[in-house]
N, C-alpha and C. Protein backbone atom coordinates (compact mmCIF):
# COMPACT_ATOMS: atom_id res chain seq x y z
N MET A 1 1.53 5.75 34.11
CA MET A 1 2.87 5.40 34.53
C MET A 1 3.82 6.48 34.03
N SER A 2 4.68 6.92 34.88
CA SER A 2 5.74 7.82 34.47
C SER A 2 7.01 7.35 35.15
N PHE A 3 8.10 7.91 34.73
CA PHE A 3 9.38 7.50 35.29
C PHE A 3 9.76 8.45 36.41
N SER A 4 10.21 7.88 37.52
CA SER A 4 10.74 8.71 38.59
C SER A 4 12.15 9.11 38.20
N LYS A 5 12.72 10.03 38.95
CA LYS A 5 14.07 10.49 38.64
C LYS A 5 15.07 9.34 38.69
N GLU A 6 14.80 8.36 39.55
CA GLU A 6 15.74 7.25 39.69
C GLU A 6 15.61 6.22 38.57
N GLU A 7 14.44 6.16 37.96
CA GLU A 7 14.21 5.17 36.92
C GLU A 7 14.63 5.70 35.55
N THR A 8 15.09 4.81 34.73
CA THR A 8 15.43 5.19 33.37
C THR A 8 14.66 4.30 32.40
N VAL A 9 14.60 4.74 31.18
CA VAL A 9 13.97 3.93 30.14
C VAL A 9 14.66 2.58 30.05
N GLN A 10 15.98 2.59 30.12
CA GLN A 10 16.73 1.34 30.01
C GLN A 10 16.36 0.36 31.12
N GLU A 11 16.14 0.87 32.33
CA GLU A 11 15.77 0.00 33.44
C GLU A 11 14.40 -0.64 33.21
N LYS A 12 13.46 0.14 32.69
CA LYS A 12 12.14 -0.39 32.41
C LYS A 12 12.19 -1.45 31.32
N ILE A 13 12.98 -1.21 30.30
CA ILE A 13 13.12 -2.18 29.22
C ILE A 13 13.80 -3.44 29.74
N LYS A 14 14.77 -3.29 30.61
CA LYS A 14 15.46 -4.45 31.19
C LYS A 14 14.47 -5.30 31.99
N GLU A 15 13.56 -4.65 32.73
CA GLU A 15 12.53 -5.40 33.47
C GLU A 15 11.70 -6.24 32.50
N LEU A 16 11.35 -5.66 31.37
CA LEU A 16 10.54 -6.38 30.39
C LEU A 16 11.29 -7.57 29.81
N SER A 17 12.59 -7.42 29.63
CA SER A 17 13.37 -8.48 28.98
C SER A 17 13.40 -9.75 29.82
N GLY A 18 13.13 -9.65 31.11
CA GLY A 18 13.15 -10.83 31.97
C GLY A 18 11.78 -11.48 32.13
N MET A 19 10.78 -10.98 31.41
CA MET A 19 9.42 -11.50 31.55
C MET A 19 9.02 -12.34 30.35
N ASP A 20 8.04 -13.20 30.56
CA ASP A 20 7.47 -13.99 29.47
C ASP A 20 6.66 -13.06 28.59
N SER A 21 7.10 -12.87 27.35
CA SER A 21 6.48 -11.88 26.46
C SER A 21 5.07 -12.24 26.02
N SER A 22 4.63 -13.45 26.31
CA SER A 22 3.26 -13.82 25.93
C SER A 22 2.28 -13.65 27.10
N SER A 23 2.78 -13.26 28.26
CA SER A 23 1.91 -13.14 29.43
C SER A 23 1.14 -11.82 29.43
N GLU A 24 0.00 -11.83 30.09
CA GLU A 24 -0.81 -10.61 30.23
C GLU A 24 -0.05 -9.55 31.02
N GLN A 25 0.70 -10.00 32.03
CA GLN A 25 1.48 -9.08 32.85
C GLN A 25 2.50 -8.34 31.98
N TYR A 26 3.17 -9.08 31.11
CA TYR A 26 4.14 -8.46 30.21
C TYR A 26 3.47 -7.43 29.31
N LEU A 27 2.37 -7.81 28.69
CA LEU A 27 1.69 -6.90 27.77
C LEU A 27 1.23 -5.63 28.47
N GLY A 28 0.73 -5.77 29.70
CA GLY A 28 0.31 -4.60 30.46
C GLY A 28 1.48 -3.69 30.78
N LYS A 29 2.57 -4.28 31.25
CA LYS A 29 3.76 -3.49 31.59
C LYS A 29 4.38 -2.88 30.33
N TYR A 30 4.37 -3.64 29.24
CA TYR A 30 4.89 -3.14 27.96
C TYR A 30 4.12 -1.90 27.53
N ASN A 31 2.79 -1.99 27.56
CA ASN A 31 1.96 -0.85 27.15
C ASN A 31 2.17 0.35 28.06
N LYS A 32 2.26 0.13 29.36
CA LYS A 32 2.49 1.24 30.30
C LYS A 32 3.86 1.87 30.08
N THR A 33 4.86 1.04 29.85
CA THR A 33 6.22 1.55 29.61
C THR A 33 6.27 2.36 28.32
N LEU A 34 5.65 1.83 27.28
CA LEU A 34 5.62 2.53 26.00
C LEU A 34 4.91 3.88 26.12
N LYS A 35 3.80 3.90 26.83
CA LYS A 35 3.05 5.14 27.03
C LYS A 35 3.89 6.15 27.82
N ALA A 36 4.60 5.67 28.84
CA ALA A 36 5.45 6.56 29.64
C ALA A 36 6.57 7.15 28.79
N ILE A 37 7.15 6.34 27.91
CA ILE A 37 8.22 6.84 27.03
C ILE A 37 7.67 7.92 26.11
N VAL A 38 6.53 7.65 25.51
CA VAL A 38 5.93 8.59 24.57
C VAL A 38 5.53 9.89 25.27
N ASN A 39 5.19 9.81 26.54
CA ASN A 39 4.76 11.00 27.28
C ASN A 39 5.91 11.84 27.82
N LEU A 40 7.15 11.37 27.67
CA LEU A 40 8.29 12.16 28.12
C LEU A 40 8.33 13.49 27.36
N LYS A 41 8.61 14.56 28.05
CA LYS A 41 8.66 15.88 27.41
C LYS A 41 9.80 15.98 26.39
N GLU A 42 10.80 15.13 26.55
CA GLU A 42 11.96 15.16 25.65
C GLU A 42 11.75 14.38 24.37
N ILE A 43 10.59 13.74 24.23
CA ILE A 43 10.32 12.87 23.09
C ILE A 43 9.18 13.44 22.26
N TYR A 44 9.37 13.43 20.96
CA TYR A 44 8.33 13.85 20.01
C TYR A 44 7.95 12.64 19.18
N THR A 45 6.67 12.48 18.94
CA THR A 45 6.18 11.37 18.13
C THR A 45 5.37 11.93 16.97
N VAL A 46 5.14 11.11 16.00
CA VAL A 46 4.29 11.47 14.87
C VAL A 46 2.95 10.80 15.09
N VAL A 47 1.88 11.58 15.00
CA VAL A 47 0.54 11.02 15.21
C VAL A 47 -0.11 10.75 13.86
N SER A 48 -1.19 9.97 13.90
CA SER A 48 -1.89 9.64 12.66
C SER A 48 -2.54 10.88 12.06
N ARG A 49 -2.85 10.81 10.79
CA ARG A 49 -3.44 11.95 10.07
C ARG A 49 -4.78 12.37 10.64
N ASN A 50 -5.51 11.44 11.23
CA ASN A 50 -6.86 11.73 11.72
C ASN A 50 -6.87 12.34 13.12
N THR A 51 -5.72 12.51 13.72
CA THR A 51 -5.65 13.04 15.08
C THR A 51 -5.99 14.53 15.07
N THR A 52 -6.83 14.94 16.00
CA THR A 52 -7.23 16.35 16.09
C THR A 52 -6.26 17.13 16.96
N ASN A 53 -6.31 18.45 16.84
CA ASN A 53 -5.47 19.30 17.69
C ASN A 53 -5.81 19.10 19.16
N GLU A 54 -7.09 18.90 19.46
CA GLU A 54 -7.51 18.67 20.84
C GLU A 54 -6.88 17.38 21.39
N GLU A 55 -6.85 16.34 20.57
CA GLU A 55 -6.23 15.09 21.00
C GLU A 55 -4.74 15.27 21.24
N ILE A 56 -4.10 16.07 20.41
CA ILE A 56 -2.67 16.34 20.60
C ILE A 56 -2.45 17.08 21.92
N GLU A 57 -3.26 18.10 22.17
CA GLU A 57 -3.13 18.86 23.41
C GLU A 57 -3.38 17.99 24.65
N ASN A 58 -4.29 17.02 24.52
CA ASN A 58 -4.61 16.12 25.64
C ASN A 58 -3.69 14.90 25.68
N ASN A 59 -2.75 14.86 24.76
CA ASN A 59 -1.80 13.74 24.68
C ASN A 59 -2.54 12.41 24.52
N SER A 60 -3.61 12.43 23.71
CA SER A 60 -4.40 11.22 23.53
C SER A 60 -4.51 10.83 22.05
N GLY A 61 -3.76 11.49 21.18
CA GLY A 61 -3.82 11.16 19.76
C GLY A 61 -3.21 9.82 19.46
N GLN A 62 -3.68 9.23 18.37
CA GLN A 62 -3.16 7.93 17.96
C GLN A 62 -1.79 8.11 17.33
N ILE A 63 -0.82 7.38 17.85
CA ILE A 63 0.56 7.46 17.35
C ILE A 63 0.65 6.77 16.00
N PHE A 64 1.35 7.40 15.07
CA PHE A 64 1.56 6.81 13.75
C PHE A 64 2.48 5.61 13.89
N CYS A 65 2.04 4.49 13.40
CA CYS A 65 2.84 3.27 13.39
C CYS A 65 2.89 2.75 11.96
N GLY A 66 3.96 2.14 11.62
CA GLY A 66 4.10 1.58 10.29
C GLY A 66 5.00 0.37 10.32
N LEU A 67 5.31 -0.14 9.16
CA LEU A 67 6.21 -1.28 9.04
C LEU A 67 7.55 -0.81 8.50
N ASN A 68 8.60 -1.22 9.15
CA ASN A 68 9.95 -0.94 8.70
C ASN A 68 10.65 -2.29 8.60
N ASN A 69 10.93 -2.73 7.37
CA ASN A 69 11.47 -4.08 7.14
C ASN A 69 10.57 -5.14 7.77
N ASN A 70 9.25 -4.95 7.59
CA ASN A 70 8.23 -5.87 8.10
C ASN A 70 8.18 -5.97 9.63
N ILE A 71 8.73 -4.98 10.31
CA ILE A 71 8.68 -4.92 11.77
C ILE A 71 7.80 -3.75 12.16
N PRO A 72 6.76 -3.98 12.99
CA PRO A 72 5.93 -2.86 13.44
C PRO A 72 6.80 -1.81 14.14
N THR A 73 6.64 -0.57 13.74
CA THR A 73 7.54 0.49 14.19
C THR A 73 6.78 1.77 14.46
N MET A 74 7.22 2.52 15.48
CA MET A 74 6.78 3.89 15.65
C MET A 74 8.04 4.72 15.78
N TRP A 75 7.96 5.95 15.34
CA TRP A 75 9.13 6.79 15.28
C TRP A 75 9.11 7.79 16.43
N LEU A 76 10.22 7.85 17.16
CA LEU A 76 10.38 8.77 18.27
C LEU A 76 11.55 9.70 17.95
N PHE A 77 11.38 10.97 18.27
CA PHE A 77 12.40 11.96 17.97
C PHE A 77 12.73 12.76 19.21
N THR A 78 13.97 13.20 19.32
CA THR A 78 14.36 14.05 20.44
C THR A 78 14.38 15.52 20.06
N GLU A 79 14.19 15.80 18.79
CA GLU A 79 14.16 17.19 18.31
C GLU A 79 12.83 17.45 17.63
N GLU A 80 12.13 18.49 18.08
CA GLU A 80 10.82 18.82 17.52
C GLU A 80 10.90 19.09 16.02
N GLN A 81 11.89 19.82 15.59
CA GLN A 81 12.00 20.18 14.17
C GLN A 81 12.17 18.94 13.28
N ILE A 82 12.95 17.99 13.73
CA ILE A 82 13.13 16.76 12.95
C ILE A 82 11.81 16.00 12.85
N ALA A 83 11.05 15.94 13.95
CA ALA A 83 9.76 15.26 13.93
C ALA A 83 8.81 15.95 12.95
N LYS A 84 8.82 17.28 12.94
CA LYS A 84 7.96 18.03 12.02
C LYS A 84 8.35 17.77 10.57
N GLU A 85 9.63 17.78 10.30
CA GLU A 85 10.12 17.54 8.95
C GLU A 85 9.77 16.12 8.49
N TYR A 86 9.90 15.15 9.38
CA TYR A 86 9.55 13.77 9.04
C TYR A 86 8.08 13.67 8.70
N ALA A 87 7.25 14.26 9.56
CA ALA A 87 5.80 14.21 9.34
C ALA A 87 5.42 14.90 8.04
N GLU A 88 6.03 16.03 7.76
CA GLU A 88 5.73 16.77 6.53
C GLU A 88 6.16 15.98 5.30
N TYR A 89 7.31 15.36 5.38
CA TYR A 89 7.85 14.59 4.25
C TYR A 89 6.94 13.40 3.90
N TYR A 90 6.43 12.72 4.95
CA TYR A 90 5.62 11.51 4.74
C TYR A 90 4.13 11.78 4.81
N LYS A 91 3.75 13.02 4.70
CA LYS A 91 2.34 13.43 4.76
C LYS A 91 1.45 12.63 3.87
């Protein structure tokens, strides 16, 4: 799934907000939307320590997720340098 020029991240999230969050359809759309966001060229993510360079090049590395105030969280950045600094700091 990717976003067309007419679609925005906000529109995709709005679609999700009107669905039953416990349904299989919601979970499928949620995962596809999340993957599309992460695959945007304007977005940088932090991957897990075990991710290989090949996985990064193939855009298949496991995204680093953690807990922030007991909420499952992944960090997205719009600047490559900030993402690198974050990853280096929390190495």
